[in-house]
Protein backbone atom coordinates (compact mmCIF):
# COMPACT_ATOMS: atom_id res chain seq x y z
CA MET A 1 290.11 141.85 183.43
CA SER A 2 287.94 141.58 180.34
CA LEU A 3 289.11 140.36 176.93
CA GLY A 4 288.64 143.79 175.54
CA HIS A 5 290.58 145.59 178.08
CA SER A 6 293.44 143.05 177.61
CA LEU A 7 293.54 143.69 173.87
CA ARG A 8 293.40 147.50 174.43
CA LEU A 9 296.51 146.99 176.63
CA VAL A 10 298.43 144.80 174.01
CA VAL A 11 297.53 146.95 171.09
CA ALA A 12 297.73 150.43 172.57
CA PRO A 13 299.19 153.24 170.42
CA PRO A 14 302.98 153.63 170.61
CA HIS A 15 304.76 156.21 172.63
CA PRO A 16 306.35 158.75 170.33
CA ALA A 17 309.82 157.64 171.45
CA GLY A 18 309.34 154.38 169.47
CA ARG A 19 308.70 156.06 166.18
CA PRO A 20 312.31 155.80 164.85
CA PHE A 21 312.44 152.21 165.75
CA LEU A 22 309.12 151.46 164.05
CA ILE A 23 310.11 153.30 160.90
CA GLY A 24 313.41 151.63 160.80
CA GLY A 25 311.85 148.19 161.26
CA ALA A 26 309.26 148.77 158.62
CA ALA A 27 311.88 150.14 156.20
CA VAL A 28 314.02 146.91 156.63
CA ALA A 29 310.90 144.77 156.15
CA VAL A 30 309.88 146.57 152.91
CA VAL A 31 313.14 147.50 151.26
CA GLY A 32 315.31 144.81 152.52
CA GLY A 33 312.81 142.07 151.78
CA ALA A 34 312.36 143.43 148.28
CA LEU A 35 316.17 143.46 147.63
CA LEU A 36 317.59 140.58 149.66
CA GLY A 37 314.79 138.23 150.09
CA SER A 38 311.99 137.10 152.40
CA TRP A 39 314.29 136.38 155.42
CA LEU A 40 314.99 140.01 155.88
CA PHE A 41 311.37 140.97 155.40
CA TRP A 42 310.37 138.69 158.29
CA LEU A 43 313.30 139.89 160.27
CA GLY A 44 312.12 143.51 159.98
CA ALA A 45 308.56 142.53 160.50
CA ALA A 46 309.39 140.83 163.87
CA PHE A 47 311.37 143.80 164.97
CA THR A 48 308.56 146.16 164.18
CA GLY A 49 306.01 143.99 165.97
CA PHE A 50 308.29 143.82 169.05
CA CYS A 51 308.59 147.66 169.00
CA LEU A 52 304.89 148.13 168.69
CA TYR A 53 304.54 145.97 171.96
CA PHE A 54 307.41 147.55 173.86
CA PHE A 55 306.46 151.11 173.19
CA ARG A 56 302.82 150.78 173.72
CA ASP A 57 301.20 153.44 175.86
CA PRO A 58 297.93 152.43 177.14
CA GLU A 59 295.51 155.00 178.88
CA ARG A 60 295.26 154.46 182.69
CA VAL A 61 292.58 155.53 185.19
CA THR A 62 294.40 157.30 188.03
CA PRO A 63 292.85 157.68 191.41
CA THR A 64 292.28 161.30 192.17
CA ARG A 65 291.85 161.45 195.92
CA PRO A 66 294.41 163.89 197.46
CA GLY A 67 297.12 162.23 199.64
CA LEU A 68 297.67 159.16 197.42
CA PHE A 69 301.02 158.20 195.89
CA ILE A 70 300.61 156.21 192.60
CA ALA A 71 303.00 153.91 191.02
CA PRO A 72 305.24 155.79 188.47
CA ALA A 73 305.88 152.75 186.38
CA ASP A 74 304.58 149.20 185.55
CA GLY A 75 306.59 146.28 186.69
CA HIS A 76 307.13 144.36 189.94
CA VAL A 77 308.50 145.74 193.31
CA VAL A 78 312.08 144.46 193.99
CA SER A 79 312.87 146.52 197.08
CA VAL A 80 310.90 148.47 199.87
CA GLU A 81 313.50 149.85 202.36
CA PRO A 82 314.66 153.11 203.83
CA ALA A 83 317.24 154.99 201.51
CA VAL A 84 318.58 158.46 201.04
CA PRO A 85 317.53 160.13 197.93
CA PRO A 86 320.15 160.81 195.17
CA GLU A 87 322.44 163.44 196.59
CA GLU A 88 322.25 165.55 193.25
CA LEU A 89 318.47 166.43 194.25
CA GLY A 90 319.59 168.16 197.36
CA LEU A 91 316.73 166.68 199.37
CA GLY A 92 319.03 166.24 202.51
CA PRO A 93 320.73 163.14 204.05
CA ALA A 94 317.71 161.71 205.93
CA ALA A 95 316.61 158.32 204.91
CA ARG A 96 312.93 157.83 203.66
CA TRP A 97 311.10 154.87 202.30
CA ARG A 98 311.94 153.89 198.83
CA VAL A 99 310.02 151.58 196.64
CA ALA A 100 311.95 150.18 193.71
CA ILE A 101 310.05 148.95 190.58
CA PHE A 102 311.80 146.72 187.97
CA LEU A 103 310.56 146.88 184.46
CA SER A 104 311.10 143.90 182.23
CA VAL A 105 311.17 144.14 178.42
CA LEU A 106 307.55 142.95 178.64
CA ASP A 107 306.24 145.82 180.91
CA VAL A 108 304.88 149.13 179.65
CA HIS A 109 307.98 151.52 179.87
CA VAL A 110 306.11 154.85 180.27
CA ASN A 111 306.91 156.72 183.38
CA ARG A 112 304.10 158.60 185.23
CA SER A 113 304.08 161.25 188.04
CA PRO A 114 303.09 159.58 191.31
CA VAL A 115 301.41 162.73 192.60
CA GLU A 116 300.21 166.20 191.58
CA GLY A 117 303.15 168.70 192.09
CA THR A 118 305.77 170.92 190.82
CA VAL A 119 309.23 169.60 189.37
CA THR A 120 311.75 171.63 191.36
CA ARG A 121 314.99 169.81 190.15
CA ILE A 122 316.04 167.35 187.51
CA ALA A 123 319.47 165.91 187.58
CA TYR A 124 320.98 163.45 185.26
CA ARG A 125 323.96 161.25 186.14
CA HIS A 126 326.01 159.04 184.04
CA GLY A 127 326.87 155.54 185.46
CA ALA A 128 326.93 151.74 184.80
CA PHE A 129 324.42 149.43 183.23
CA VAL A 130 324.19 146.57 185.79
CA ASN A 131 320.96 144.48 185.95
CA ALA A 132 318.35 146.92 187.12
CA SER A 133 316.74 144.26 189.34
CA LEU A 134 319.82 144.43 191.67
CA ASP A 135 319.73 146.79 194.54
CA LYS A 136 323.10 148.45 193.64
CA ALA A 137 321.52 149.71 190.47
CA SER A 138 319.96 152.51 192.50
CA VAL A 139 323.43 153.82 193.24
CA ASP A 140 325.78 152.66 190.38
CA ASN A 141 323.45 152.83 187.22
CA GLU A 142 322.90 155.72 184.75
CA ARG A 143 319.99 157.73 186.10
CA ASN A 144 317.72 160.74 185.74
CA ALA A 145 316.26 161.95 189.00
CA LEU A 146 313.35 164.33 189.56
CA ALA A 147 312.34 166.18 192.71
CA ILE A 148 308.72 167.01 193.01
CA ARG A 149 307.15 169.35 195.49
CA LEU A 150 303.71 168.36 196.65
CA THR A 151 301.00 171.20 197.18
CA ASP A 152 301.57 170.86 200.99
CA GLY A 153 305.27 171.71 200.59
CA ARG A 154 306.74 168.23 201.10
CA ASP A 155 309.15 166.77 198.56
CA ILE A 156 309.41 163.27 196.85
CA ALA A 157 311.93 161.90 194.41
CA VAL A 158 311.22 159.80 191.29
CA VAL A 159 314.37 158.15 189.77
CA GLN A 160 314.59 156.87 186.21
CA ILE A 161 317.33 154.12 186.09
CA ALA A 162 318.89 152.54 183.04
CA GLY A 163 319.18 148.69 183.05
CA LEU A 164 321.37 146.10 181.59
CA ILE A 165 320.02 146.72 178.13
CA ALA A 166 318.58 150.17 178.52
CA ARG A 167 320.82 152.87 177.01
CA ARG A 168 318.37 155.74 176.79
CA ILE A 169 316.42 157.60 179.36
CA LEU A 170 313.89 160.18 178.02
CA CYS A 171 312.24 162.82 180.21
CA SER A 172 309.82 165.34 178.88
CA ALA A 173 309.30 167.24 182.16
CA ARG A 174 311.28 170.48 182.79
CA GLU A 175 312.14 172.18 186.22
CA GLY A 176 309.17 174.28 186.96
CA SER A 177 306.71 171.94 185.31
CA ARG A 178 303.47 171.26 187.06
CA LEU A 179 302.48 167.46 186.68
CA ARG A 180 299.24 165.92 187.47
CA ALA A 181 298.97 162.61 189.23
CA GLY A 182 299.32 159.84 186.59
CA GLU A 183 300.61 162.34 183.91
CA ARG A 184 303.33 160.83 181.64
CA PHE A 185 306.68 162.41 181.98
CA GLY A 186 309.25 160.07 180.35
CA ILE A 187 310.13 156.59 179.08
CA ILE A 188 313.15 154.32 179.36
CA ARG A 189 313.96 152.07 176.43
CA PHE A 190 314.41 148.30 176.83
CA GLY A 191 314.57 147.25 180.45
CA SER A 192 314.91 149.47 183.34
CA ARG A 193 313.99 150.40 186.93
CA THR A 194 312.08 153.36 188.67
CA ASP A 195 312.52 154.33 192.20
CA LEU A 196 310.07 156.32 194.34
CA TYR A 197 311.23 158.10 197.45
CA LEU A 198 308.38 158.97 199.67
CA PRO A 199 308.11 162.03 201.96
CA GLU A 200 309.69 161.55 205.37
CA GLY A 201 307.49 159.69 207.70
CA VAL A 202 305.23 158.18 205.13
CA ARG A 203 305.42 154.33 204.82
CA PRO A 204 304.45 152.39 201.62
CA MET A 205 301.51 150.02 201.51
CA VAL A 206 303.17 147.64 198.99
CA GLU A 207 305.41 144.59 199.30
CA VAL A 208 308.41 143.12 197.52
CA GLY A 209 307.06 140.92 194.66
CA GLN A 210 303.73 142.99 194.19
CA THR A 211 302.92 143.91 190.49
CA MET A 212 302.48 147.64 189.96
CA ILE A 213 300.34 149.22 187.24
CA GLY A 214 301.85 152.70 186.43
CA GLY A 215 299.35 155.46 186.93
CA GLU A 216 296.81 153.28 188.85
CA THR A 217 298.36 151.26 191.71
CA VAL A 218 298.38 153.16 195.10
CA ILE A 219 301.77 152.94 196.77
CA ALA A 220 301.02 155.06 199.88
CA ASP A 221 298.63 157.24 201.42
CA LEU A 222 299.02 160.35 203.58
CA ALA A 223 295.75 159.51 205.40
CA ASP A 224 297.48 156.34 206.80
CA LEU A 225 298.40 158.34 209.99
CA ALA A 226 299.32 155.09 211.82
CA ALA A 227 302.29 154.37 209.53
CA PRO A 228 305.55 154.41 211.41
CA ALA A 229 308.35 156.73 210.28
CA VAL A 230 311.64 155.48 208.86
CA PRO A 231 313.86 154.42 211.81
CA ARG A 232 316.80 156.66 212.15
CA GLY A 233 320.38 155.86 213.04
């Protein structure tokens, strides 16, 4: 990775969801610093700098070949295993491969569509705020789940999950929305997790511990016909 590419990643323009925090931090730095002293200025400046980094929204180059499933978020894979999609999506009781991606506060938190398709259902569910790196976060934590129908009629699920610090899940997609692969559809504030449920019979190509780049890393490929289906029973 070139130095220029690295700098563009760090100083990328912020996502609109970060504007209230950036304005608040800047106001504390300017107004508070003028009234109460330099310590408040530096506190506000540090918070503003953190928010500029946290809410950065870099451009990504998404693979366009049909049949690819792309990472919906930055972070590292904490789980690759069969699981049943959230029942509120109505995708049935059959287990399918799930890839869970944990986002630390240092990762880009913008969520992107893993495929081209139509959003058929969005379901929000209140829940707990346990550490998002734990497997039980997929079931227990507050979440926003999307069902996306591929052009061939198959369905996948993408689930935005709040974490230990996160308290706000934002989703700009709507039921009926048509998404391109790699298109932004939401963001989770301050540490979170994103789960991808692949179509039945499609096996992921990634492993636990692997680093994901949202909108770029290939997670699975429909052309991989040798991939075994999820074992039943």
